[in-house]
Amino acid sequence: MLEQQLYLAIDQGGSRSRALVFTHSGVQVCAGLVEVSTMRSGDRVEQQALAVKQSIEQCITDCLAQLSAKQQSQIVSAGLVTQRSSFVAVNRNTGEPISPIFSWQDTRAAKQLSALKLDQSWLQKITGLPASAHFGASKMAWCLQHLVAVQQAQVEQQLLFLPLAAYLAYALTDATDYWVDPANASRTLLMDINQLTWHPQLLTRFGIEAQWLPKICATQADYGALELAPATSSLRIPLRYVNGDQSSALFAYGTPKPEQIAVNLGTGAFVSQIQHLSNTQQQPKHGLLMSVVYASHQRCLRVIEGTVNGAGAALSVMSRQLSVEMHELQQVHNDDYIPIFINTIGGLAAPFWRTDLASYFIDEQQASAPAKLLAVLESIVFLVANIISLLPDKRFSELSVSGGLANNAQLCQRLADVCQIAVRRVEQVEASALGAVWWLAGQPNHWLQTLTQQVYQPTYNPKLSQRYQRWQQEMQHLLE
């Protein structure tokens, strides 16, 4: 009977929205995909809220259209995963957006945040995070200063700041109130990671009132029922899971193994080391984060996490600048000259947390355009490897990679070579959606049994090692 049940996963990422239907054992049945545009101007990165909502409605419609009426009726629940630090201001009464979506990549409020002079140690104990303009709080304060519609909603007592997940959970369902899960709530920089509540002192420091924020609930809860297009209006699919994309991706292949480090490679890259498998909770050091990845009334699962902002985003930006397509990387041979790229696209995240540095190449004169793009790819490897070297628990022997960039064999092999650790890539890389379904299906034992895996064993690559050492030296000099 369980195998007849189906689950809908909605994955709203930086560049696209996806809807996928899976069986109880994690087999993908169908999928719909709609691209989403992003507006970039300097340190400002925005998306249009209604356009994102409509993209999700369209990809759900496209996905369900591939199913028979019987299959549609077998969908028992849905999950939603989104970019964690993105948010939008809305009118509480109408639910209508009164601001663009401020992307997690947006750092326009960096100066305002710096002026607060927050005690980093105090802040990290409360939130698990450093003071960074990538997180929502400083951008909310910016909205209060600069956006007339937000100021007006404040005066009328109708203002709400919603993490993207909370906005979509309300806008796509018949919910009558605004709720957010702990993973997305934490990325506002306003949540107490231990109590899973809004922190009064932080609200005061940023000038945010608790009534301007949604209520925090469990990762798995009753978020309402999806309001679907007329063609499928007879369906009532309850939304029972909301999480951040990276938080959900950690569970794509079931319970994380103690010997594995999870590396999700998408628009950004995220390195996660699960903490509930350890006898003691270790505090993050060296600019790493403590992140909630799942919370219920019975337990709260956390990870030590490191983030790279310029992963897929960096390749996309530099591919356009260099007029080189990704497939042209195959033209670059090991003996070709490959420069060093200092990748600050989207701002330097863990462990550096700097938003004021420009990207640049070192010794690029001899390099071809494809070699330069390969240097950008290697910069992602170097940033990820640097985070892995800082993880507190060294008892791991394997990197488990997922996400769209995990399809790039050159990246996977270079990551194995630099870290001198085996890199395992599972055939199905829709990790965020899979993680949602794993929880919705009750953590089934017979999960993804038919998928193939590829393991990249570390090899001796002295030229790559030399470039990594040169990169480390340049980063140390840059940040002195």
Protein backbone atom coordinates (compact mmCIF):
# COMPACT_ATOMS: atom_id res chain seq x y z
CA MET A 1 0.00 0.00 0.00
CA LEU A 2 2.83 2.41 0.84
CA GLU A 3 4.38 1.94 -2.60
CA GLN A 4 1.19 3.31 -4.12
CA GLN A 5 1.61 6.58 -2.25
CA LEU A 6 3.20 9.51 -4.07
CA TYR A 7 4.76 12.72 -2.77
CA LEU A 8 5.11 16.15 -4.35
CA ALA A 9 8.34 18.06 -3.71
CA ILE A 10 8.58 21.78 -4.56
CA ASP A 11 12.12 23.12 -4.84
CA GLN A 12 12.54 26.86 -5.30
CA GLY A 13 16.20 27.57 -6.11
CA GLY A 14 18.22 30.57 -7.13
CA SER A 15 17.66 30.21 -10.87
CA ARG A 16 14.67 27.89 -11.25
CA SER A 17 11.61 26.40 -9.62
CA ARG A 18 11.01 22.68 -9.77
CA ALA A 19 8.14 20.37 -8.91
CA LEU A 20 8.82 16.66 -8.70
CA VAL A 21 6.73 13.64 -7.77
CA PHE A 22 8.38 10.65 -6.08
CA THR A 23 7.29 7.23 -4.89
CA HIS A 24 7.55 6.07 -1.28
CA SER A 25 10.99 4.60 -2.03
CA GLY A 26 12.37 7.75 -3.69
CA VAL A 27 11.88 6.91 -7.38
CA GLN A 28 11.16 10.01 -9.45
CA VAL A 29 7.90 9.76 -11.39
CA CYS A 30 7.71 13.14 -13.11
CA ALA A 31 9.08 16.67 -12.95
CA GLY A 32 8.34 20.21 -14.06
CA LEU A 33 10.85 23.05 -14.29
CA VAL A 34 10.49 26.80 -14.84
CA GLU A 35 13.39 29.24 -15.00
CA VAL A 36 13.33 32.28 -12.71
CA SER A 37 15.05 35.56 -13.52
CA THR A 38 17.29 37.39 -11.07
CA MET A 39 18.10 41.10 -11.14
CA ARG A 40 21.69 41.95 -10.21
CA SER A 41 23.15 45.41 -9.73
CA GLY A 42 26.32 45.64 -7.70
CA ASP A 43 25.59 44.33 -4.21
CA ARG A 44 21.84 44.19 -4.89
CA VAL A 45 20.32 40.87 -5.93
CA GLU A 46 16.54 40.67 -6.26
CA GLN A 47 13.72 38.54 -7.63
CA GLN A 48 10.06 39.36 -8.15
CA ALA A 49 7.88 37.58 -5.59
CA LEU A 50 4.83 37.13 -7.80
CA ALA A 51 6.99 35.82 -10.64
CA VAL A 52 8.54 33.22 -8.32
CA LYS A 53 5.10 32.20 -7.03
CA GLN A 54 3.79 31.88 -10.59
CA SER A 55 6.83 29.83 -11.63
CA ILE A 56 6.01 27.33 -8.90
CA GLU A 57 2.36 27.16 -9.88
CA GLN A 58 3.40 26.55 -13.49
CA CYS A 59 5.92 23.81 -12.72
CA ILE A 60 3.40 22.06 -10.45
CA THR A 61 0.83 22.19 -13.25
CA ASP A 62 3.37 20.87 -15.76
CA CYS A 63 4.42 18.09 -13.40
CA LEU A 64 0.92 16.92 -12.50
CA ALA A 65 -0.14 16.98 -16.16
CA GLN A 66 2.23 14.07 -16.70
CA LEU A 67 0.27 11.92 -14.23
CA SER A 68 -2.94 9.98 -14.70
CA ALA A 69 -5.97 10.89 -12.59
CA LYS A 70 -5.28 7.84 -10.45
CA GLN A 71 -1.66 8.85 -9.88
CA GLN A 72 -2.73 12.37 -8.97
CA SER A 73 -5.08 10.97 -6.35
CA GLN A 74 -2.20 8.95 -4.86
CA ILE A 75 -0.26 12.10 -3.87
CA VAL A 76 -0.63 12.14 -0.10
CA SER A 77 1.42 15.19 0.87
CA ALA A 78 3.83 17.85 -0.37
CA GLY A 79 7.07 19.43 0.79
CA LEU A 80 8.53 22.85 0.05
CA VAL A 81 12.23 23.70 0.11
CA THR A 82 13.61 27.17 -0.62
CA GLN A 83 16.65 29.41 -0.49
CA ARG A 84 17.13 29.98 3.22
CA SER A 85 18.26 33.59 3.62
CA SER A 86 15.98 35.18 1.03
CA PHE A 87 12.96 37.13 2.26
CA VAL A 88 10.18 39.45 1.14
CA ALA A 89 8.03 42.09 2.86
CA VAL A 90 4.26 41.65 2.53
CA ASN A 91 1.05 43.26 3.66
CA ARG A 92 -0.25 41.11 6.51
CA ASN A 93 -3.88 41.73 5.62
CA THR A 94 -3.66 40.85 1.93
CA GLY A 95 -0.53 38.70 1.75
CA GLU A 96 0.59 40.78 -1.25
CA PRO A 97 4.33 41.53 -1.64
CA ILE A 98 5.37 45.14 -0.95
CA SER A 99 9.04 44.57 -1.73
CA PRO A 100 11.06 42.43 -4.09
CA ILE A 101 12.54 39.18 -2.82
CA PHE A 102 15.88 40.10 -1.31
CA SER A 103 18.16 37.24 -2.34
CA TRP A 104 20.54 35.59 0.08
CA GLN A 105 23.23 36.88 -2.28
CA ASP A 106 22.21 40.51 -1.61
CA THR A 107 24.59 42.41 0.69
CA ARG A 108 23.35 46.00 0.31
CA ALA A 109 23.04 46.45 4.09
CA ALA A 110 26.64 45.53 4.93
CA LYS A 111 27.52 49.03 6.17
CA GLN A 112 24.45 49.24 8.39
CA LEU A 113 25.28 45.85 9.87
CA SER A 114 28.89 46.82 10.52
CA ALA A 115 27.74 49.98 12.30
CA LEU A 116 25.86 47.89 14.88
CA LYS A 117 29.19 46.48 16.13
CA LEU A 118 27.60 43.24 17.32
CA ASP A 119 29.63 41.02 19.64
CA GLN A 120 30.47 38.10 17.34
CA SER A 121 30.89 35.55 20.12
CA TRP A 122 27.57 36.51 21.71
CA LEU A 123 25.80 36.50 18.37
CA GLN A 124 27.12 33.09 17.35
CA LYS A 125 26.10 31.49 20.66
CA ILE A 126 22.54 32.71 20.11
CA THR A 127 22.10 32.24 16.37
CA GLY A 128 24.88 29.85 15.33
CA LEU A 129 25.83 32.45 12.71
CA PRO A 130 28.29 35.31 12.25
CA ALA A 131 27.19 38.87 11.56
CA SER A 132 26.71 38.82 7.79
CA ALA A 133 24.68 40.97 5.41
CA HIS A 134 23.72 37.79 3.55
CA PHE A 135 21.26 37.04 6.36
CA GLY A 136 17.93 38.83 6.56
CA ALA A 137 17.98 41.13 9.60
CA SER A 138 20.12 43.97 8.27
CA LYS A 139 18.21 43.97 4.97
CA MET A 140 14.93 44.20 6.88
CA ALA A 141 16.31 47.26 8.67
CA TRP A 142 17.31 48.65 5.26
CA CYS A 143 13.73 48.21 4.02
CA LEU A 144 12.41 50.19 6.97
CA GLN A 145 14.73 53.05 6.05
CA HIS A 146 14.34 53.08 2.27
CA LEU A 147 11.09 51.51 1.04
CA VAL A 148 7.99 53.72 1.22
CA ALA A 149 5.59 50.76 0.92
CA VAL A 150 7.25 49.08 3.90
CA GLN A 151 7.11 52.28 5.94
CA GLN A 152 3.42 52.70 5.11
CA ALA A 153 2.64 49.09 6.09
CA GLN A 154 4.45 49.69 9.37
CA VAL A 155 2.31 52.76 10.11
CA GLU A 156 -0.85 50.80 9.27
CA GLN A 157 0.33 47.86 11.42
CA GLN A 158 0.17 45.54 8.42
CA LEU A 159 3.89 44.88 7.95
CA LEU A 160 5.32 41.36 7.74
CA PHE A 161 8.85 40.28 6.88
CA LEU A 162 8.65 36.72 5.58
CA PRO A 163 11.47 34.32 4.77
CA LEU A 164 10.84 33.13 1.21
CA ALA A 165 9.59 29.77 2.52
CA ALA A 166 6.98 31.47 4.73
CA TYR A 167 5.76 33.66 1.87
CA LEU A 168 5.39 30.71 -0.51
CA ALA A 169 3.80 28.45 2.11
CA TYR A 170 1.12 31.10 2.63
CA ALA A 171 0.74 32.19 -0.99
CA LEU A 172 0.44 28.67 -2.42
CA THR A 173 -1.95 27.23 0.18
CA ASP A 174 -5.25 27.94 1.91
CA ALA A 175 -3.40 28.83 5.14
CA THR A 176 -4.96 31.62 7.21
CA ASP A 177 -1.81 32.47 9.17
CA TYR A 178 1.91 32.88 8.50
CA TRP A 179 4.31 30.12 9.59
CA VAL A 180 7.99 29.41 9.06
CA ASP A 181 10.20 26.44 9.82
CA PRO A 182 13.28 26.80 12.08
CA ALA A 183 15.90 26.38 9.33
CA ASN A 184 14.55 29.32 7.33
CA ALA A 185 13.77 31.35 10.45
CA SER A 186 17.36 31.03 11.64
CA ARG A 187 18.69 32.66 8.46
CA THR A 188 17.09 35.95 9.45
CA LEU A 189 19.81 36.27 12.14
CA LEU A 190 16.99 36.86 14.62
CA MET A 191 16.26 33.35 15.93
CA ASP A 192 17.65 31.75 19.07
CA ILE A 193 19.04 28.47 17.72
CA ASN A 194 18.67 26.80 21.12
CA GLN A 195 15.12 27.88 21.95
CA LEU A 196 13.85 28.08 18.35
CA THR A 197 12.17 31.40 19.11
CA TRP A 198 12.70 35.01 18.02
CA HIS A 199 15.34 36.55 20.28
CA PRO A 200 14.14 39.77 22.00
CA GLN A 201 17.56 41.43 22.23
CA LEU A 202 18.34 40.81 18.59
CA LEU A 203 14.96 42.16 17.55
CA THR A 204 15.73 45.32 19.50
CA ARG A 205 19.23 45.69 18.05
CA PHE A 206 17.92 45.52 14.49
CA GLY A 207 14.77 47.55 15.15
CA ILE A 208 12.45 44.68 14.23
CA GLU A 209 9.21 43.98 16.12
CA ALA A 210 8.19 40.38 16.78
CA GLN A 211 4.75 41.07 15.26
CA TRP A 212 6.45 41.75 11.93
CA LEU A 213 7.64 38.14 11.71
CA PRO A 214 5.83 34.83 11.13
CA LYS A 215 5.31 32.21 13.81
CA ILE A 216 7.97 29.50 14.07
CA CYS A 217 6.76 25.90 13.92
CA ALA A 218 8.21 22.43 13.32
CA THR A 219 9.76 21.38 10.04
CA GLN A 220 6.92 18.90 9.58
CA ALA A 221 3.60 20.57 10.39
CA ASP A 222 0.24 21.42 8.84
CA TYR A 223 1.09 24.37 6.60
CA GLY A 224 -2.24 24.25 4.75
CA ALA A 225 -3.34 22.62 1.50
CA LEU A 226 -1.99 23.61 -1.90
CA GLU A 227 -4.40 25.66 -3.99
CA LEU A 228 -3.88 24.19 -7.44
CA ALA A 229 -4.79 25.31 -10.94
CA PRO A 230 -8.38 24.67 -12.14
CA ALA A 231 -7.31 21.58 -14.11
CA THR A 232 -6.39 19.87 -10.85
CA SER A 233 -8.73 21.72 -8.50
CA SER A 234 -10.23 18.48 -7.25
CA LEU A 235 -6.90 17.61 -5.63
CA ARG A 236 -6.24 18.61 -2.05
CA ILE A 237 -2.55 18.09 -1.33
CA PRO A 238 -1.54 19.06 2.21
CA LEU A 239 1.78 20.88 2.59
CA ARG A 240 3.37 18.99 5.48
CA TYR A 241 7.07 19.84 5.22
CA VAL A 242 8.93 23.14 4.85
CA ASN A 243 12.71 23.47 5.04
CA GLY A 244 15.71 25.22 3.60
CA ASP A 245 17.13 23.70 0.44
CA GLN A 246 20.52 22.87 1.93
CA SER A 247 18.99 21.61 5.18
CA SER A 248 16.75 19.24 3.26
CA ALA A 249 19.52 18.09 0.90
CA LEU A 250 21.40 16.61 3.83
CA PHE A 251 18.77 13.82 4.05
CA ALA A 252 18.51 13.05 0.34
CA TYR A 253 20.02 9.60 0.76
CA GLY A 254 18.65 8.87 4.24
CA THR A 255 20.31 9.42 7.58
CA PRO A 256 23.78 10.93 7.07
CA LYS A 257 26.54 8.47 7.88
CA PRO A 258 29.12 9.37 10.55
CA GLU A 259 31.99 8.93 8.11
CA GLN A 260 30.50 11.25 5.47
CA ILE A 261 30.67 14.97 4.88
CA ALA A 262 27.80 16.28 2.75
CA VAL A 263 28.67 18.80 0.04
CA ASN A 264 25.75 20.29 -1.89
CA LEU A 265 26.87 22.10 -5.04
CA GLY A 266 24.35 24.48 -6.57
CA THR A 267 24.13 28.26 -6.95
CA GLY A 268 26.10 28.26 -3.72
CA ALA A 269 28.06 25.38 -2.19
CA PHE A 270 27.38 24.08 1.30
CA VAL A 271 29.50 21.75 3.41
CA SER A 272 27.66 20.06 6.29
CA GLN A 273 28.75 17.83 9.15
CA ILE A 274 25.80 16.40 11.11
CA GLN A 275 26.01 16.89 14.88
CA HIS A 276 23.39 14.54 16.28
CA LEU A 277 25.69 11.59 15.51
CA SER A 278 28.33 12.95 17.85
CA ASN A 279 28.42 12.31 21.58
CA THR A 280 28.99 16.00 22.25
CA GLN A 281 27.73 19.11 20.48
CA GLN A 282 30.78 20.90 19.14
CA GLN A 283 30.70 24.65 18.76
CA PRO A 284 31.70 25.93 15.31
CA LYS A 285 35.01 27.72 15.05
CA HIS A 286 37.04 29.48 12.38
CA GLY A 287 34.02 31.28 10.88
CA LEU A 288 31.88 28.17 10.38
CA LEU A 289 28.17 28.03 11.24
CA MET A 290 25.85 26.01 13.44
CA SER A 291 22.64 25.43 11.47
CA VAL A 292 19.30 23.82 12.29
CA VAL A 293 18.43 21.28 9.59
CA TYR A 294 15.33 19.67 11.11
CA ALA A 295 13.23 20.34 14.19
CA SER A 296 10.24 18.63 15.76
CA HIS A 297 8.76 18.64 19.25
CA GLN A 298 10.98 15.66 20.10
CA ARG A 299 14.35 16.63 18.64
CA CYS A 300 16.40 19.24 16.87
CA LEU A 301 19.10 18.23 14.40
CA ARG A 302 21.97 20.59 13.71
CA VAL A 303 25.07 20.69 11.54
CA ILE A 304 28.39 22.44 11.51
CA GLU A 305 28.23 24.19 8.16
CA GLY A 306 30.44 26.16 5.82
CA THR A 307 29.13 28.09 2.84
CA VAL A 308 30.54 29.21 -0.50
CA ASN A 309 28.47 31.92 -2.16
CA GLY A 310 30.16 31.84 -5.56
CA ALA A 311 29.61 28.27 -6.78
CA GLY A 312 27.18 27.89 -9.70
CA ALA A 313 26.60 31.65 -9.48
CA ALA A 314 30.31 32.30 -10.10
CA LEU A 315 30.45 29.95 -13.08
CA SER A 316 27.37 31.58 -14.56
CA VAL A 317 28.71 35.12 -14.14
CA MET A 318 32.20 34.33 -15.39
CA SER A 319 30.97 32.19 -18.29
CA ARG A 320 29.16 35.26 -19.60
CA GLN A 321 32.11 37.58 -18.96
CA LEU A 322 34.58 35.26 -20.67
CA SER A 323 32.16 34.25 -23.46
CA VAL A 324 32.92 30.59 -22.75
CA GLU A 325 30.47 27.70 -22.44
CA MET A 326 30.91 25.09 -19.73
CA HIS A 327 31.46 22.30 -22.28
CA GLU A 328 34.58 24.12 -23.49
CA LEU A 329 36.35 23.17 -20.24
CA GLN A 330 36.93 19.80 -21.86
CA GLN A 331 39.38 21.54 -24.21
CA VAL A 332 41.74 22.38 -21.34
CA HIS A 333 44.45 19.79 -20.78
CA ASN A 334 46.46 19.13 -17.65
CA ASP A 335 49.59 20.58 -19.26
CA ASP A 336 47.82 23.84 -20.23
CA TYR A 337 48.43 26.92 -18.15
CA ILE A 338 45.63 27.48 -15.63
CA PRO A 339 45.64 30.72 -13.61
CA ILE A 340 44.36 31.30 -10.06
CA PHE A 341 40.97 32.91 -9.55
CA ILE A 342 40.11 34.72 -6.33
CA ASN A 343 36.39 34.09 -6.17
CA THR A 344 34.47 36.71 -4.19
CA ILE A 345 31.33 36.56 -6.33
CA GLY A 346 28.36 36.96 -4.02
CA GLY A 347 30.79 37.91 -1.24
CA LEU A 348 33.24 35.69 0.58
CA ALA A 349 31.32 33.46 2.98
CA ALA A 350 32.76 30.90 5.41
CA PRO A 351 35.23 31.23 6.95
CA PHE A 352 36.10 34.75 5.75
CA TRP A 353 32.79 36.69 5.79
CA ARG A 354 33.85 39.63 3.65
CA THR A 355 31.63 41.48 1.20
CA ASP A 356 34.05 44.28 0.24
CA LEU A 357 36.49 42.41 -2.02
CA ALA A 358 36.48 42.21 -5.80
CA SER A 359 37.22 39.01 -7.74
CA TYR A 360 40.36 38.79 -9.86
CA PHE A 361 42.69 36.44 -11.71
CA ILE A 362 46.37 35.94 -10.88
CA ASP A 363 48.77 35.61 -13.82
CA GLU A 364 46.01 35.34 -16.39
CA GLN A 365 47.99 36.67 -19.37
CA GLN A 366 49.12 33.22 -20.53
CA ALA A 367 45.70 31.59 -20.08
CA SER A 368 43.04 30.89 -22.68
CA ALA A 369 39.43 31.82 -21.96
CA PRO A 370 38.44 28.17 -21.27
CA ALA A 371 41.43 27.87 -18.89
CA LYS A 372 40.21 30.95 -17.04
CA LEU A 373 36.76 29.43 -16.62
CA LEU A 374 38.42 26.24 -15.37
CA ALA A 375 40.22 28.44 -12.82
CA VAL A 376 36.79 29.63 -11.64
CA LEU A 377 35.71 26.01 -11.22
CA GLU A 378 38.91 25.28 -9.29
CA SER A 379 38.24 28.27 -7.02
CA ILE A 380 35.01 26.56 -5.93
CA VAL A 381 37.00 23.42 -5.15
CA PHE A 382 39.55 25.45 -3.16
CA LEU A 383 36.87 27.23 -1.12
CA VAL A 384 35.10 23.94 -0.33
CA ALA A 385 38.38 22.19 0.53
CA ASN A 386 39.34 25.04 2.86
CA ILE A 387 36.06 24.66 4.77
CA ILE A 388 36.53 20.89 5.04
CA SER A 389 39.98 21.43 6.55
CA LEU A 390 38.37 23.50 9.34
CA LEU A 391 35.68 21.02 10.41
CA PRO A 392 36.08 20.11 14.09
CA ASP A 393 35.38 16.38 13.76
CA LYS A 394 37.98 14.75 11.52
CA ARG A 395 36.44 11.28 11.64
CA PHE A 396 35.30 11.25 8.03
CA SER A 397 36.56 9.31 5.06
CA GLU A 398 34.23 10.34 2.26
CA LEU A 399 32.58 13.38 0.70
CA SER A 400 28.99 12.85 -0.47
CA VAL A 401 28.24 15.37 -3.22
CA SER A 402 24.85 16.43 -4.59
CA GLY A 403 23.30 19.34 -6.45
CA GLY A 404 23.48 20.43 -10.07
CA LEU A 405 27.24 21.07 -10.07
CA ALA A 406 27.86 17.54 -8.81
CA ASN A 407 27.26 16.49 -12.41
CA ASN A 408 30.57 18.09 -13.33
CA ALA A 409 33.15 15.29 -13.29
CA GLN A 410 36.07 17.72 -13.39
CA LEU A 411 34.88 19.40 -10.22
CA CYS A 412 34.34 16.09 -8.41
CA GLN A 413 37.76 14.72 -9.36
CA ARG A 414 39.55 17.93 -8.40
CA LEU A 415 37.75 17.98 -5.06
CA ALA A 416 38.91 14.41 -4.40
CA ASP A 417 42.47 15.28 -5.43
CA VAL A 418 42.75 18.45 -3.34
CA CYS A 419 41.18 16.93 -0.21
CA GLN A 420 42.71 13.49 -0.79
CA ILE A 421 39.34 12.00 0.14
CA ALA A 422 37.00 9.86 -1.96
CA VAL A 423 34.07 11.77 -3.45
CA ARG A 424 30.83 9.83 -3.87
CA ARG A 425 28.16 11.06 -6.27
CA VAL A 426 24.79 9.33 -6.41
CA GLU A 427 22.99 9.26 -9.75
CA GLN A 428 20.00 11.25 -8.50
CA VAL A 429 21.21 14.74 -7.60
CA GLU A 430 17.83 16.40 -6.84
CA ALA A 431 18.95 16.30 -3.25
CA SER A 432 16.74 18.98 -1.69
CA ALA A 433 13.57 17.46 -3.11
CA LEU A 434 14.64 13.94 -2.15
CA GLY A 435 15.35 15.01 1.42
CA ALA A 436 11.84 16.41 1.71
CA VAL A 437 10.28 13.19 0.44
CA TRP A 438 12.40 11.04 2.76
CA TRP A 439 10.88 12.82 5.75
CA LEU A 440 7.36 12.91 4.28
CA ALA A 441 7.50 9.16 3.57
CA GLY A 442 8.45 8.41 7.19
CA GLN A 443 12.19 7.74 6.63
CA PRO A 444 11.62 4.46 4.76
CA ASN A 445 14.18 1.66 4.96
CA HIS A 446 13.91 0.75 1.27
CA TRP A 447 15.15 4.08 -0.06
CA LEU A 448 16.79 4.73 -3.44
CA GLN A 449 17.83 1.12 -3.90
CA THR A 450 18.00 1.31 -7.69
CA LEU A 451 20.31 4.28 -8.05
CA THR A 452 23.86 3.90 -9.26
CA GLN A 453 26.80 5.65 -7.64
CA GLN A 454 30.11 6.93 -8.87
CA VAL A 455 33.13 7.28 -6.63
CA TYR A 456 36.02 9.58 -7.53
CA GLN A 457 39.14 8.27 -5.86
CA PRO A 458 41.86 10.81 -5.04
CA THR A 459 44.83 10.88 -7.39
CA TYR A 460 48.21 12.58 -7.26
CA ASN A 461 47.87 15.92 -9.04
CA PRO A 462 50.92 18.07 -8.19
CA LYS A 463 50.00 21.01 -10.44
CA LEU A 464 46.57 21.27 -8.86
CA SER A 465 48.12 21.04 -5.39
CA GLN A 466 50.50 23.85 -6.28
CA ARG A 467 47.62 26.04 -7.44
CA TYR A 468 45.76 25.32 -4.19
CA GLN A 469 48.82 26.34 -2.17
CA ARG A 470 49.17 29.51 -4.25
CA TRP A 471 45.48 30.24 -3.69
CA GLN A 472 45.89 29.79 0.08
CA GLN A 473 48.85 32.17 0.13
CA GLU A 474 46.97 34.78 -1.88
CA MET A 475 43.92 34.54 0.38
CA GLN A 476 46.07 34.95 3.48
CA HIS A 477 47.75 38.00 1.97
CA LEU A 478 44.43 39.47 0.80
CA LEU A 479 42.83 39.20 4.22
CA GLU A 480 45.75 40.49 6.30
